[in-house]
Amino acid sequence: MQGNSPLFLSNSTNSFSGGLTLGGTGTLVVGGNGVLGSGTLTLAGGTIQAPVGGPSVSLANPVVLFGYGPGTTTLGGQAPLTFSGTTTLVGANTLAMASTSTTTFSGVIGGTGALTVTSQAGLLPGPLLLSNVNNTFTSGLTLAGARYFTGGRQR
């Protein structure tokens, strides 16, 4: 999926299994837990988010963060978004935090790629949780351009 117009997927009983690739400047709004069917979600740019004012969304699909080329994937929206499937890092990946809610990767994150997490100046994003203690990715995690709060104090 590429382009400037958002694509809103709302049918939580989709059964397609071929996967979906988000790249370029497109925006994918995932309106429910099963909207991506059972295939792999490849993030190679663009924006993915739960619907504004909508419920939290949990996606069980396997995820590939494909960091080759100019793409930065933006995690946007105002509702919690969880990726519970396994995530594979390929290449040098950048996630731009633009969500004001919690984004969680609860499945194992593996692969040989690297992960950089950024946020826009002036935006206080919601937290990004990499919650699986069995993560195996090997090329590093960089936190850049974000503000961190602990116990109510800015760090």
N, C-alpha and C. Protein backbone atom coordinates (compact mmCIF):
# COMPACT_ATOMS: atom_id res chain seq x y z
N MET A 1 0.83 -1.16 0.00
CA MET A 1 0.00 0.00 0.00
C MET A 1 0.89 1.23 0.00
N GLN A 2 0.70 2.12 -0.96
CA GLN A 2 1.42 3.38 -1.03
C GLN A 2 0.46 4.45 -1.49
N GLY A 3 0.80 5.69 -1.23
CA GLY A 3 -0.03 6.80 -1.66
C GLY A 3 -0.34 7.73 -0.52
N ASN A 4 -1.03 8.83 -0.83
CA ASN A 4 -1.28 9.85 0.18
C ASN A 4 -2.63 9.70 0.87
N SER A 5 -3.54 8.93 0.34
CA SER A 5 -4.86 8.79 0.94
C SER A 5 -4.86 7.66 1.96
N PRO A 6 -5.52 7.87 3.12
CA PRO A 6 -5.56 6.80 4.11
C PRO A 6 -6.44 5.64 3.66
N LEU A 7 -6.07 4.46 4.09
CA LEU A 7 -6.88 3.26 3.88
C LEU A 7 -7.36 2.82 5.24
N PHE A 8 -8.69 2.75 5.41
CA PHE A 8 -9.29 2.36 6.68
C PHE A 8 -9.84 0.96 6.53
N LEU A 9 -9.29 0.00 7.27
CA LEU A 9 -9.78 -1.38 7.26
C LEU A 9 -10.58 -1.59 8.53
N SER A 10 -11.85 -2.00 8.38
CA SER A 10 -12.71 -2.09 9.56
C SER A 10 -13.33 -3.47 9.77
N ASN A 11 -13.23 -4.38 8.82
CA ASN A 11 -13.86 -5.69 8.98
C ASN A 11 -12.93 -6.61 9.77
N SER A 12 -13.28 -6.87 11.02
CA SER A 12 -12.42 -7.68 11.89
C SER A 12 -12.45 -9.16 11.58
N THR A 13 -13.20 -9.55 10.57
CA THR A 13 -13.24 -10.98 10.20
C THR A 13 -12.64 -11.21 8.82
N ASN A 14 -11.74 -10.34 8.38
CA ASN A 14 -11.08 -10.56 7.09
C ASN A 14 -10.34 -11.88 7.12
N SER A 15 -10.39 -12.60 6.00
CA SER A 15 -9.77 -13.92 5.95
C SER A 15 -8.63 -14.02 4.95
N PHE A 16 -8.21 -12.90 4.36
CA PHE A 16 -7.12 -13.02 3.39
C PHE A 16 -5.82 -13.38 4.12
N SER A 17 -4.94 -14.09 3.41
CA SER A 17 -3.72 -14.59 4.04
C SER A 17 -2.46 -14.19 3.30
N GLY A 18 -2.57 -13.37 2.28
CA GLY A 18 -1.42 -13.02 1.46
C GLY A 18 -0.51 -11.97 2.05
N GLY A 19 -0.92 -11.33 3.13
CA GLY A 19 -0.08 -10.31 3.75
C GLY A 19 -0.34 -8.93 3.17
N LEU A 20 0.23 -7.93 3.81
CA LEU A 20 0.07 -6.54 3.39
C LEU A 20 1.37 -5.80 3.63
N THR A 21 1.79 -4.98 2.67
CA THR A 21 2.99 -4.17 2.81
C THR A 21 2.60 -2.71 2.82
N LEU A 22 3.04 -2.00 3.85
CA LEU A 22 2.82 -0.57 3.97
C LEU A 22 4.14 0.13 3.69
N GLY A 23 4.14 1.06 2.74
CA GLY A 23 5.36 1.78 2.40
C GLY A 23 5.05 3.17 1.91
N GLY A 24 6.08 3.92 1.59
CA GLY A 24 5.88 5.27 1.07
C GLY A 24 5.30 6.19 2.11
N THR A 25 4.28 6.95 1.71
CA THR A 25 3.66 7.93 2.60
C THR A 25 2.23 7.57 2.95
N GLY A 26 1.82 6.35 2.66
CA GLY A 26 0.45 5.94 2.93
C GLY A 26 0.14 5.84 4.41
N THR A 27 -1.16 5.94 4.75
CA THR A 27 -1.62 5.76 6.12
C THR A 27 -2.60 4.60 6.15
N LEU A 28 -2.34 3.64 7.01
CA LEU A 28 -3.20 2.49 7.20
C LEU A 28 -3.85 2.61 8.58
N VAL A 29 -5.19 2.70 8.60
CA VAL A 29 -5.94 2.77 9.85
C VAL A 29 -6.54 1.40 10.08
N VAL A 30 -6.12 0.73 11.14
CA VAL A 30 -6.60 -0.62 11.45
C VAL A 30 -7.72 -0.51 12.48
N GLY A 31 -8.95 -0.78 12.05
CA GLY A 31 -10.12 -0.54 12.87
C GLY A 31 -10.56 -1.71 13.73
N GLY A 32 -9.77 -2.78 13.81
CA GLY A 32 -10.15 -3.92 14.63
C GLY A 32 -9.05 -4.96 14.64
N ASN A 33 -9.19 -5.95 15.51
CA ASN A 33 -8.13 -6.93 15.74
C ASN A 33 -7.85 -7.83 14.55
N GLY A 34 -8.83 -8.20 13.75
CA GLY A 34 -8.61 -9.16 12.67
C GLY A 34 -8.59 -8.55 11.28
N VAL A 35 -8.44 -7.25 11.17
CA VAL A 35 -8.59 -6.58 9.88
C VAL A 35 -7.52 -6.96 8.86
N LEU A 36 -6.38 -7.46 9.31
CA LEU A 36 -5.30 -7.80 8.38
C LEU A 36 -5.27 -9.27 8.00
N GLY A 37 -6.33 -10.00 8.33
CA GLY A 37 -6.34 -11.42 8.02
C GLY A 37 -5.25 -12.14 8.79
N SER A 38 -4.61 -13.12 8.15
CA SER A 38 -3.60 -13.92 8.85
C SER A 38 -2.20 -13.78 8.26
N GLY A 39 -2.03 -13.00 7.23
CA GLY A 39 -0.73 -12.87 6.57
C GLY A 39 0.21 -11.94 7.30
N THR A 40 1.42 -11.84 6.79
CA THR A 40 2.46 -11.00 7.37
C THR A 40 2.22 -9.53 7.04
N LEU A 41 2.41 -8.68 8.03
CA LEU A 41 2.37 -7.23 7.85
C LEU A 41 3.80 -6.75 7.70
N THR A 42 4.14 -6.20 6.53
CA THR A 42 5.47 -5.66 6.28
C THR A 42 5.40 -4.14 6.37
N LEU A 43 6.20 -3.58 7.28
CA LEU A 43 6.23 -2.13 7.47
C LEU A 43 7.53 -1.60 6.88
N ALA A 44 7.40 -0.83 5.78
CA ALA A 44 8.56 -0.31 5.07
C ALA A 44 8.39 1.19 4.82
N GLY A 45 7.67 1.86 5.70
CA GLY A 45 7.37 3.28 5.55
C GLY A 45 5.90 3.51 5.81
N GLY A 46 5.46 4.74 5.65
CA GLY A 46 4.07 5.08 5.87
C GLY A 46 3.71 5.17 7.34
N THR A 47 2.41 5.25 7.61
CA THR A 47 1.88 5.38 8.97
C THR A 47 0.86 4.29 9.23
N ILE A 48 0.94 3.67 10.39
CA ILE A 48 -0.08 2.72 10.82
C ILE A 48 -0.63 3.21 12.15
N GLN A 49 -1.96 3.11 12.29
CA GLN A 49 -2.57 3.59 13.53
C GLN A 49 -3.92 2.93 13.75
N ALA A 50 -4.36 2.93 15.01
CA ALA A 50 -5.73 2.57 15.35
C ALA A 50 -6.58 3.80 15.04
N PRO A 51 -7.91 3.65 14.89
CA PRO A 51 -8.74 4.80 14.53
C PRO A 51 -8.77 5.86 15.64
N VAL A 52 -8.80 7.12 15.23
CA VAL A 52 -8.90 8.23 16.19
C VAL A 52 -10.19 8.07 16.97
N GLY A 53 -10.09 8.12 18.29
CA GLY A 53 -11.26 7.98 19.14
C GLY A 53 -11.80 6.57 19.20
N GLY A 54 -11.09 5.63 18.58
CA GLY A 54 -11.58 4.25 18.53
C GLY A 54 -11.05 3.42 19.66
N PRO A 55 -11.41 2.14 19.67
CA PRO A 55 -10.94 1.23 20.71
C PRO A 55 -9.49 0.84 20.47
N SER A 56 -8.89 0.23 21.47
CA SER A 56 -7.55 -0.31 21.29
C SER A 56 -7.61 -1.46 20.28
N VAL A 57 -6.50 -1.66 19.58
CA VAL A 57 -6.43 -2.70 18.55
C VAL A 57 -5.20 -3.56 18.83
N SER A 58 -5.38 -4.89 18.72
CA SER A 58 -4.29 -5.83 18.88
C SER A 58 -4.19 -6.68 17.62
N LEU A 59 -3.05 -6.61 16.95
CA LEU A 59 -2.83 -7.34 15.71
C LEU A 59 -1.92 -8.54 15.98
N ALA A 60 -2.41 -9.74 15.68
CA ALA A 60 -1.66 -10.97 15.94
C ALA A 60 -0.78 -11.37 14.76
N ASN A 61 -0.81 -10.62 13.68
CA ASN A 61 -0.05 -10.97 12.47
C ASN A 61 1.45 -10.94 12.74
N PRO A 62 2.21 -11.81 12.05
CA PRO A 62 3.66 -11.65 12.04
C PRO A 62 3.99 -10.30 11.39
N VAL A 63 5.04 -9.64 11.87
CA VAL A 63 5.43 -8.32 11.36
C VAL A 63 6.87 -8.39 10.88
N VAL A 64 7.13 -7.79 9.73
CA VAL A 64 8.49 -7.58 9.24
C VAL A 64 8.72 -6.08 9.17
N LEU A 65 9.72 -5.60 9.89
CA LEU A 65 10.15 -4.21 9.74
C LEU A 65 11.26 -4.24 8.71
N PHE A 66 10.95 -3.72 7.52
CA PHE A 66 11.84 -3.82 6.36
C PHE A 66 12.52 -2.48 6.16
N GLY A 67 13.73 -2.35 6.69
CA GLY A 67 14.42 -1.07 6.73
C GLY A 67 15.37 -0.81 5.60
N TYR A 68 15.04 -1.23 4.40
CA TYR A 68 15.86 -0.89 3.24
C TYR A 68 15.16 0.20 2.46
N GLY A 69 15.89 1.22 2.04
CA GLY A 69 15.27 2.32 1.32
C GLY A 69 15.01 3.49 2.27
N PRO A 70 14.29 4.49 1.78
CA PRO A 70 14.14 5.73 2.53
C PRO A 70 13.03 5.70 3.58
N GLY A 71 12.31 4.61 3.72
CA GLY A 71 11.10 4.60 4.54
C GLY A 71 11.32 4.63 6.04
N THR A 72 10.60 5.52 6.70
CA THR A 72 10.46 5.52 8.14
C THR A 72 9.01 5.16 8.40
N THR A 73 8.77 4.20 9.28
CA THR A 73 7.40 3.84 9.62
C THR A 73 6.97 4.65 10.83
N THR A 74 5.82 5.31 10.69
CA THR A 74 5.28 6.12 11.78
C THR A 74 4.18 5.35 12.49
N LEU A 75 4.25 5.32 13.81
CA LEU A 75 3.21 4.73 14.64
C LEU A 75 2.37 5.89 15.14
N GLY A 76 1.14 6.04 14.60
CA GLY A 76 0.33 7.22 14.88
C GLY A 76 -0.94 6.90 15.62
N GLY A 77 -1.79 7.91 15.73
CA GLY A 77 -3.11 7.74 16.32
C GLY A 77 -3.20 8.13 17.77
N GLN A 78 -4.39 7.89 18.33
CA GLN A 78 -4.65 8.25 19.72
C GLN A 78 -5.17 7.09 20.54
N ALA A 79 -5.25 5.90 19.96
CA ALA A 79 -5.74 4.72 20.67
C ALA A 79 -4.60 3.70 20.78
N PRO A 80 -4.60 2.87 21.83
CA PRO A 80 -3.54 1.87 21.99
C PRO A 80 -3.50 0.90 20.81
N LEU A 81 -2.28 0.56 20.40
CA LEU A 81 -2.05 -0.38 19.30
C LEU A 81 -1.02 -1.40 19.75
N THR A 82 -1.38 -2.69 19.63
CA THR A 82 -0.48 -3.77 20.05
C THR A 82 -0.20 -4.68 18.86
N PHE A 83 1.07 -5.01 18.69
CA PHE A 83 1.52 -6.00 17.72
C PHE A 83 1.93 -7.23 18.53
N SER A 84 1.10 -8.29 18.51
CA SER A 84 1.37 -9.44 19.36
C SER A 84 2.05 -10.60 18.63
N GLY A 85 2.16 -10.52 17.31
CA GLY A 85 2.85 -11.56 16.56
C GLY A 85 4.36 -11.37 16.63
N THR A 86 5.10 -12.33 16.11
CA THR A 86 6.55 -12.19 16.06
C THR A 86 6.92 -11.06 15.11
N THR A 87 8.00 -10.35 15.43
CA THR A 87 8.48 -9.26 14.59
C THR A 87 9.91 -9.57 14.17
N THR A 88 10.17 -9.42 12.88
CA THR A 88 11.51 -9.64 12.34
C THR A 88 12.06 -8.32 11.83
N LEU A 89 13.26 -7.96 12.28
CA LEU A 89 13.93 -6.74 11.82
C LEU A 89 14.86 -7.09 10.66
N VAL A 90 14.68 -6.40 9.54
CA VAL A 90 15.53 -6.58 8.36
C VAL A 90 16.07 -5.21 7.99
N GLY A 91 17.38 -5.03 8.03
CA GLY A 91 17.97 -3.75 7.68
C GLY A 91 17.91 -2.76 8.83
N ALA A 92 18.13 -1.49 8.51
CA ALA A 92 18.15 -0.40 9.50
C ALA A 92 16.77 0.24 9.55
N ASN A 93 16.04 0.01 10.62
CA ASN A 93 14.65 0.44 10.73
C ASN A 93 14.51 1.65 11.63
N THR A 94 13.60 2.56 11.24
CA THR A 94 13.26 3.70 12.08
C THR A 94 11.77 3.71 12.32
N LEU A 95 11.38 3.73 13.59
CA LEU A 95 10.00 3.91 13.98
C LEU A 95 9.86 5.32 14.53
N ALA A 96 8.98 6.11 13.94
CA ALA A 96 8.71 7.46 14.41
C ALA A 96 7.45 7.43 15.27
N MET A 97 7.59 7.79 16.52
CA MET A 97 6.47 7.76 17.45
C MET A 97 5.65 9.03 17.29
N ALA A 98 4.42 8.90 16.80
CA ALA A 98 3.51 10.03 16.66
C ALA A 98 2.18 9.74 17.35
N SER A 99 2.10 8.59 18.02
CA SER A 99 0.90 8.22 18.74
C SER A 99 0.93 8.85 20.13
N THR A 100 -0.21 9.32 20.59
CA THR A 100 -0.28 9.85 21.94
C THR A 100 -0.73 8.78 22.93
N SER A 101 -0.85 7.54 22.46
CA SER A 101 -1.24 6.42 23.31
C SER A 101 -0.12 5.39 23.31
N THR A 102 -0.34 4.30 24.00
CA THR A 102 0.67 3.24 24.12
C THR A 102 0.71 2.38 22.86
N THR A 103 1.92 2.13 22.37
CA THR A 103 2.15 1.16 21.29
C THR A 103 3.00 0.05 21.88
N THR A 104 2.56 -1.20 21.68
CA THR A 104 3.23 -2.35 22.29
C THR A 104 3.60 -3.37 21.22
N PHE A 105 4.83 -3.86 21.30
CA PHE A 105 5.26 -5.04 20.55
C PHE A 105 5.44 -6.13 21.60
N SER A 106 4.46 -7.05 21.70
CA SER A 106 4.51 -8.07 22.76
C SER A 106 5.05 -9.41 22.28
N GLY A 107 5.13 -9.62 20.97
CA GLY A 107 5.73 -10.84 20.44
C GLY A 107 7.24 -10.72 20.45
N VAL A 108 7.90 -11.84 20.22
CA VAL A 108 9.37 -11.85 20.16
C VAL A 108 9.83 -11.01 18.98
N ILE A 109 10.82 -10.15 19.20
CA ILE A 109 11.45 -9.36 18.14
C ILE A 109 12.80 -9.99 17.85
N GLY A 110 12.99 -10.41 16.60
CA GLY A 110 14.24 -11.06 16.23
C GLY A 110 14.77 -10.51 14.92
N GLY A 111 15.79 -11.14 14.41
CA GLY A 111 16.38 -10.72 13.14
C GLY A 111 17.72 -10.06 13.36
N THR A 112 18.34 -9.71 12.25
CA THR A 112 19.67 -9.12 12.31
C THR A 112 19.64 -7.61 12.08
N GLY A 113 18.47 -7.03 11.93
CA GLY A 113 18.35 -5.60 11.69
C GLY A 113 18.44 -4.79 12.97
N ALA A 114 18.55 -3.48 12.80
CA ALA A 114 18.63 -2.54 13.92
C ALA A 114 17.32 -1.76 14.01
N LEU A 115 17.08 -1.18 15.18
CA LEU A 115 15.86 -0.42 15.41
C LEU A 115 16.21 0.92 16.04
N THR A 116 15.76 2.00 15.40
CA THR A 116 15.88 3.35 15.95
C THR A 116 14.49 3.88 16.19
N VAL A 117 14.26 4.46 17.36
CA VAL A 117 12.96 5.02 17.72
C VAL A 117 13.13 6.53 17.87
N THR A 118 12.29 7.29 17.15
CA THR A 118 12.36 8.75 17.20
C THR A 118 10.98 9.32 17.50
N SER A 119 10.92 10.61 17.76
CA SER A 119 9.64 11.32 17.85
C SER A 119 9.85 12.73 17.33
N GLN A 120 8.75 13.36 16.93
CA GLN A 120 8.83 14.72 16.40
C GLN A 120 9.12 15.70 17.51
N ALA A 121 9.85 16.76 17.19
CA ALA A 121 10.09 17.82 18.16
C ALA A 121 8.76 18.43 18.58
N GLY A 122 8.59 18.64 19.86
CA GLY A 122 7.37 19.26 20.37
C GLY A 122 6.23 18.29 20.63
N LEU A 123 6.40 17.04 20.27
CA LEU A 123 5.35 16.03 20.48
C LEU A 123 5.78 15.13 21.64
N LEU A 124 4.89 14.95 22.58
CA LEU A 124 5.13 14.01 23.66
C LEU A 124 4.37 12.74 23.33
N PRO A 125 5.05 11.75 22.75
CA PRO A 125 4.36 10.53 22.33
C PRO A 125 4.02 9.65 23.52
N GLY A 126 3.08 8.74 23.28
CA GLY A 126 2.81 7.71 24.27
C GLY A 126 3.98 6.75 24.31
N PRO A 127 3.99 5.86 25.31
CA PRO A 127 5.13 4.95 25.43
C PRO A 127 5.14 3.88 24.35
N LEU A 128 6.34 3.45 24.02
CA LEU A 128 6.56 2.28 23.17
C LEU A 128 7.06 1.17 24.08
N LEU A 129 6.31 0.08 24.14
CA LEU A 129 6.69 -1.05 24.99
C LEU A 129 7.17 -2.21 24.14
N LEU A 130 8.39 -2.65 24.37
CA LEU A 130 8.92 -3.87 23.78
C LEU A 130 8.89 -4.87 24.93
N SER A 131 7.76 -5.56 25.09
CA SER A 131 7.49 -6.24 26.36
C SER A 131 7.92 -7.69 26.44
N ASN A 132 8.44 -8.28 25.37
CA ASN A 132 8.81 -9.68 25.42
C ASN A 132 10.26 -9.83 25.89
N VAL A 133 10.46 -10.56 26.97
CA VAL A 133 11.81 -10.71 27.52
C VAL A 133 12.69 -11.65 26.71
N ASN A 134 12.12 -12.28 25.68
CA ASN A 134 12.88 -13.22 24.85
C ASN A 134 13.30 -12.63 23.51
N ASN A 135 13.34 -11.31 23.37
CA ASN A 135 13.76 -10.68 22.12
C ASN A 135 15.17 -11.10 21.78
N THR A 136 15.42 -11.29 20.47
CA THR A 136 16.72 -11.80 20.04
C THR A 136 17.39 -10.95 18.97
N PHE A 137 16.84 -9.76 18.62
CA PHE A 137 17.48 -8.99 17.55
C PHE A 137 18.86 -8.56 18.00
N THR A 138 19.78 -8.48 17.03
CA THR A 138 21.20 -8.40 17.38
C THR A 138 21.91 -7.12 16.98
N SER A 139 21.27 -6.24 16.22
CA SER A 139 22.02 -5.08 15.72
C SER A 139 21.72 -3.79 16.47
N GLY A 140 21.04 -3.86 17.59
CA GLY A 140 20.94 -2.71 18.45
C GLY A 140 19.62 -1.96 18.42
N LEU A 141 19.43 -1.19 19.48
CA LEU A 141 18.27 -0.33 19.67
C LEU A 141 18.77 1.06 20.01
N THR A 142 18.30 2.06 19.26
CA THR A 142 18.70 3.44 19.49
C THR A 142 17.47 4.27 19.78
N LEU A 143 17.48 5.01 20.88
CA LEU A 143 16.40 5.93 21.21
C LEU A 143 16.91 7.33 20.90
N ALA A 144 16.25 8.01 19.96
CA ALA A 144 16.75 9.29 19.49
C ALA A 144 15.61 10.29 19.36
N GLY A 145 15.85 11.52 19.78
CA GLY A 145 14.89 12.58 19.55
C GLY A 145 13.60 12.46 20.33
N ALA A 146 13.61 11.73 21.42
CA ALA A 146 12.39 11.57 22.22
C ALA A 146 12.65 12.06 23.64
N ARG A 147 11.57 12.40 24.33
CA ARG A 147 11.67 12.77 25.73
C ARG A 147 11.19 11.59 26.55
N TYR A 148 11.83 11.37 27.68
CA TYR A 148 11.49 10.24 28.52
C TYR A 148 11.10 10.76 29.89
N PHE A 149 10.06 10.18 30.46
CA PHE A 149 9.57 10.59 31.77
C PHE A 149 9.63 9.39 32.70
N THR A 150 10.12 9.61 33.90
CA THR A 150 10.13 8.59 34.92
C THR A 150 9.65 9.22 36.21
N GLY A 151 8.64 8.65 36.82
CA GLY A 151 8.14 9.17 38.08
C GLY A 151 7.69 10.62 38.00
N GLY A 152 7.16 11.01 36.83
CA GLY A 152 6.66 12.36 36.66
C GLY A 152 7.72 13.41 36.39
N ARG A 153 8.97 13.00 36.26
CA ARG A 153 10.06 13.95 36.01
C ARG A 153 10.61 13.75 34.62
N GLN A 154 10.84 14.85 33.92
CA GLN A 154 11.40 14.76 32.56
C GLN A 154 12.86 14.36 32.64
N ARG A 155 13.25 13.47 31.72
CA ARG A 155 14.66 13.04 31.65
C ARG A 155 15.21 13.36 30.29
